[in-house]
Protein backbone atom coordinates (compact mmCIF):
# COMPACT_ATOMS: atom_id res chain seq x y z
CA MET A 1 -7.06 -43.83 25.98
CA SER A 2 -3.82 -45.41 24.71
CA ARG A 3 -3.17 -45.61 21.01
CA PRO A 4 -0.94 -48.05 19.11
CA PRO A 5 2.24 -46.64 17.57
CA THR A 6 2.19 -45.81 13.88
CA VAL A 7 3.62 -48.25 11.35
CA ALA A 8 6.55 -45.90 10.77
CA ALA A 9 7.29 -45.76 14.50
CA ARG A 10 7.25 -49.55 14.78
CA ARG A 11 9.61 -49.88 11.81
CA ARG A 12 12.32 -47.69 13.21
CA GLY A 13 11.84 -48.81 16.82
CA VAL A 14 11.31 -45.26 18.06
CA LEU A 15 8.00 -43.84 19.22
CA THR A 16 8.08 -40.05 19.39
CA VAL A 17 5.68 -38.50 21.89
CA GLY A 18 5.17 -34.75 22.04
CA VAL A 19 3.31 -32.56 24.48
CA THR A 20 1.23 -29.45 24.31
CA GLY A 21 -0.49 -28.10 27.36
CA HIS A 22 -1.41 -25.36 29.72
CA ARG A 23 1.10 -23.56 31.90
CA SER A 24 -1.29 -23.66 34.81
CA ILE A 25 -2.91 -26.89 35.95
CA PRO A 26 -5.47 -26.37 38.72
CA ASP A 27 -4.84 -28.35 41.91
CA GLU A 28 -8.07 -30.34 41.45
CA ALA A 29 -6.96 -31.46 37.94
CA TYR A 30 -3.31 -32.15 38.76
CA PRO A 31 -3.63 -35.74 40.07
CA LEU A 32 -5.58 -36.89 37.01
CA VAL A 33 -3.29 -35.04 34.59
CA ARG A 34 -0.17 -36.47 36.22
CA GLY A 35 -1.61 -39.98 36.32
CA GLU A 36 -2.78 -39.94 32.70
CA LEU A 37 0.51 -38.52 31.41
CA ALA A 38 2.43 -41.18 33.33
CA ALA A 39 0.12 -43.92 32.02
CA GLU A 40 0.46 -42.78 28.39
CA LEU A 41 4.25 -42.54 28.68
CA GLY A 42 4.43 -45.92 30.38
CA ASN A 43 2.35 -47.47 27.61
CA ALA A 44 4.61 -45.88 25.00
CA ALA A 45 7.69 -47.28 26.75
CA ARG A 46 6.19 -50.79 26.75
CA ARG A 47 5.28 -50.59 23.03
CA SER A 48 8.56 -49.32 21.67
CA ASP A 49 12.29 -49.94 21.98
CA THR A 50 12.90 -46.22 22.38
CA VAL A 51 10.64 -43.33 23.34
CA GLU A 52 11.66 -39.86 22.25
CA ALA A 53 9.83 -37.14 24.23
CA LEU A 54 9.49 -33.66 22.71
CA SER A 55 8.76 -30.71 25.02
CA SER A 56 9.33 -26.96 25.09
CA LEU A 57 9.92 -27.29 28.86
CA ALA A 58 7.51 -24.48 29.68
CA VAL A 59 6.20 -24.34 33.24
CA GLY A 60 3.16 -26.54 33.79
CA ALA A 61 2.24 -29.39 31.48
CA ASP A 62 5.49 -29.31 29.48
CA GLN A 63 7.74 -29.69 32.52
CA LEU A 64 5.50 -32.30 34.14
CA PHE A 65 5.54 -34.32 30.91
CA ALA A 66 9.35 -34.00 30.64
CA GLU A 67 9.88 -35.18 34.23
CA LEU A 68 7.60 -38.18 33.73
CA ALA A 69 9.18 -39.01 30.37
CA LEU A 70 12.63 -39.10 31.95
CA GLU A 71 11.30 -41.32 34.76
CA CYS A 72 10.06 -43.74 32.08
CA GLY A 73 13.50 -43.83 30.47
CA ALA A 74 12.59 -41.71 27.44
CA ARG A 75 15.11 -39.58 25.57
CA LEU A 76 14.11 -35.97 26.08
CA THR A 77 14.41 -33.42 23.30
CA ALA A 78 13.92 -29.81 24.37
CA VAL A 79 12.38 -27.53 21.74
CA SER A 80 13.07 -23.84 22.41
CA PRO A 81 11.00 -21.30 20.47
CA GLY A 82 13.84 -18.80 20.19
CA ALA A 83 17.08 -17.27 21.36
CA ASP A 84 15.64 -15.38 24.34
CA TYR A 85 13.37 -18.19 25.59
CA GLU A 86 14.89 -18.12 29.08
CA ALA A 87 13.80 -14.47 29.42
CA THR A 88 10.16 -15.64 29.28
CA PHE A 89 10.55 -17.48 32.60
CA ALA A 90 10.14 -15.83 35.98
CA PRO A 91 13.37 -15.98 38.00
CA GLU A 92 11.93 -18.64 40.34
CA GLU A 93 11.00 -20.81 37.31
CA LEU A 94 14.46 -20.97 35.74
CA ALA A 95 15.87 -23.67 38.02
CA GLY A 96 13.23 -26.17 36.90
CA TYR A 97 13.76 -25.29 33.25
CA HIS A 98 17.56 -25.61 33.55
CA ARG A 99 17.33 -28.90 35.45
CA LEU A 100 15.32 -30.45 32.62
CA LEU A 101 17.33 -28.82 29.84
CA TRP A 102 20.56 -30.24 31.28
CA ARG A 103 19.00 -33.72 31.28
CA ALA A 104 17.84 -33.44 27.67
CA HIS A 105 19.32 -35.78 25.09
CA ALA A 106 19.01 -33.05 22.43
CA HIS A 107 18.07 -29.38 22.20
CA VAL A 108 16.37 -27.88 19.15
CA ARG A 109 16.45 -24.08 19.19
CA LEU A 110 14.25 -22.42 16.60
CA ASP A 111 15.64 -19.43 14.73
CA PHE A 112 13.55 -16.66 16.32
CA PRO A 113 15.65 -13.87 17.89
CA VAL A 114 12.73 -12.87 20.13
CA VAL A 115 10.11 -15.26 21.45
CA ASP A 116 6.63 -14.09 20.48
CA ASP A 117 3.35 -15.77 19.52
CA ASP A 118 4.77 -16.79 16.12
CA ALA A 119 7.74 -18.44 17.84
CA TYR A 120 5.45 -20.31 20.24
CA TYR A 121 3.34 -21.48 17.31
CA ALA A 122 6.46 -22.64 15.44
CA ALA A 123 7.70 -24.60 18.46
CA GLY A 124 4.33 -26.27 18.89
CA ALA A 125 4.19 -27.03 15.17
CA TYR A 126 7.69 -28.55 15.32
CA ILE A 127 6.59 -30.83 18.14
CA ALA A 128 3.39 -31.85 16.33
CA GLU A 129 5.18 -32.47 13.03
CA HIS A 130 7.87 -34.62 14.64
CA SER A 131 5.61 -36.66 16.93
CA ASP A 132 3.81 -39.93 16.35
CA LEU A 133 1.59 -39.22 19.35
CA VAL A 134 0.69 -35.85 20.88
CA LEU A 135 -0.44 -35.66 24.49
CA ALA A 136 -2.51 -32.54 25.07
CA VAL A 137 -3.13 -31.26 28.58
CA TRP A 138 -6.06 -29.18 27.42
CA ASP A 139 -9.31 -27.92 28.87
CA GLY A 140 -10.94 -27.88 25.42
CA LEU A 141 -11.21 -24.08 25.25
CA PRO A 142 -9.74 -21.90 22.49
CA ALA A 143 -6.12 -20.80 22.78
CA ARG A 144 -5.53 -17.58 24.70
CA GLY A 145 -2.86 -16.54 22.22
CA ARG A 146 -1.45 -17.75 18.90
CA GLY A 147 0.41 -20.98 19.52
CA GLY A 148 -1.62 -21.87 22.60
CA THR A 149 -2.77 -25.38 23.38
CA GLY A 150 -6.03 -25.17 21.41
CA ASP A 151 -4.14 -24.05 18.31
CA MET A 152 -1.62 -26.85 18.62
CA VAL A 153 -4.28 -29.53 19.10
CA ALA A 154 -6.03 -28.30 15.94
CA TYR A 155 -2.73 -28.25 14.04
CA ALA A 156 -1.71 -31.76 15.16
CA ARG A 157 -5.12 -33.09 14.20
CA SER A 158 -4.88 -31.39 10.78
CA LEU A 159 -1.68 -33.39 10.22
CA GLY A 160 -3.53 -36.61 11.05
CA LYS A 161 -1.55 -37.11 14.26
CA THR A 162 -2.97 -39.13 17.12
CA VAL A 163 -3.87 -36.65 19.85
CA VAL A 164 -4.80 -37.78 23.35
CA VAL A 165 -6.51 -35.04 25.36
CA ILE A 166 -5.95 -35.18 29.11
CA TRP A 167 -8.05 -33.03 31.43
CA GLN A 168 -10.25 -33.30 34.49
CA ALA A 169 -13.90 -32.91 33.42
CA GLY A 170 -15.61 -29.89 34.92
CA VAL A 171 -12.39 -28.14 35.95
CA ARG A 172 -11.59 -24.72 34.55
CA ARG A 173 -8.12 -23.32 34.48
CA PRO A 174 -7.46 -19.86 35.93
């Protein structure tokens, strides 16, 4: 499943890995998803002097990826879709978001006053455009809204990016 870094990534010594993925990962898929994300990030860390990890820090795949990236020693860049992004989190979800945001090396906040489907799409596009490798925690089904995982996988592929899809075969998300 691992892919070699691009020539450009090798030249500058930085491999940028982005994530797109579902907010809900079923319990039966979680061990495989966690293991594959950790393996891909570990491989990236062994292949490059520096790994830059791009994530919107949404609940689910984004936060899991960010936690694992930090464990691997990656520099985390948080990509927020807009000014009111925190308002999209349930109160019990904010602590996890803040914990990761505070550990981020950088924070890119897109210029959307209100987070909507266009803002989510723009954040996903930013991650795809700035990544050498995109890890997609994706069940293979169409996006449930503009900017969803299916849309971002299609966009990253249209850019010629290497996309590694991670999902437990036969498992459907809620």
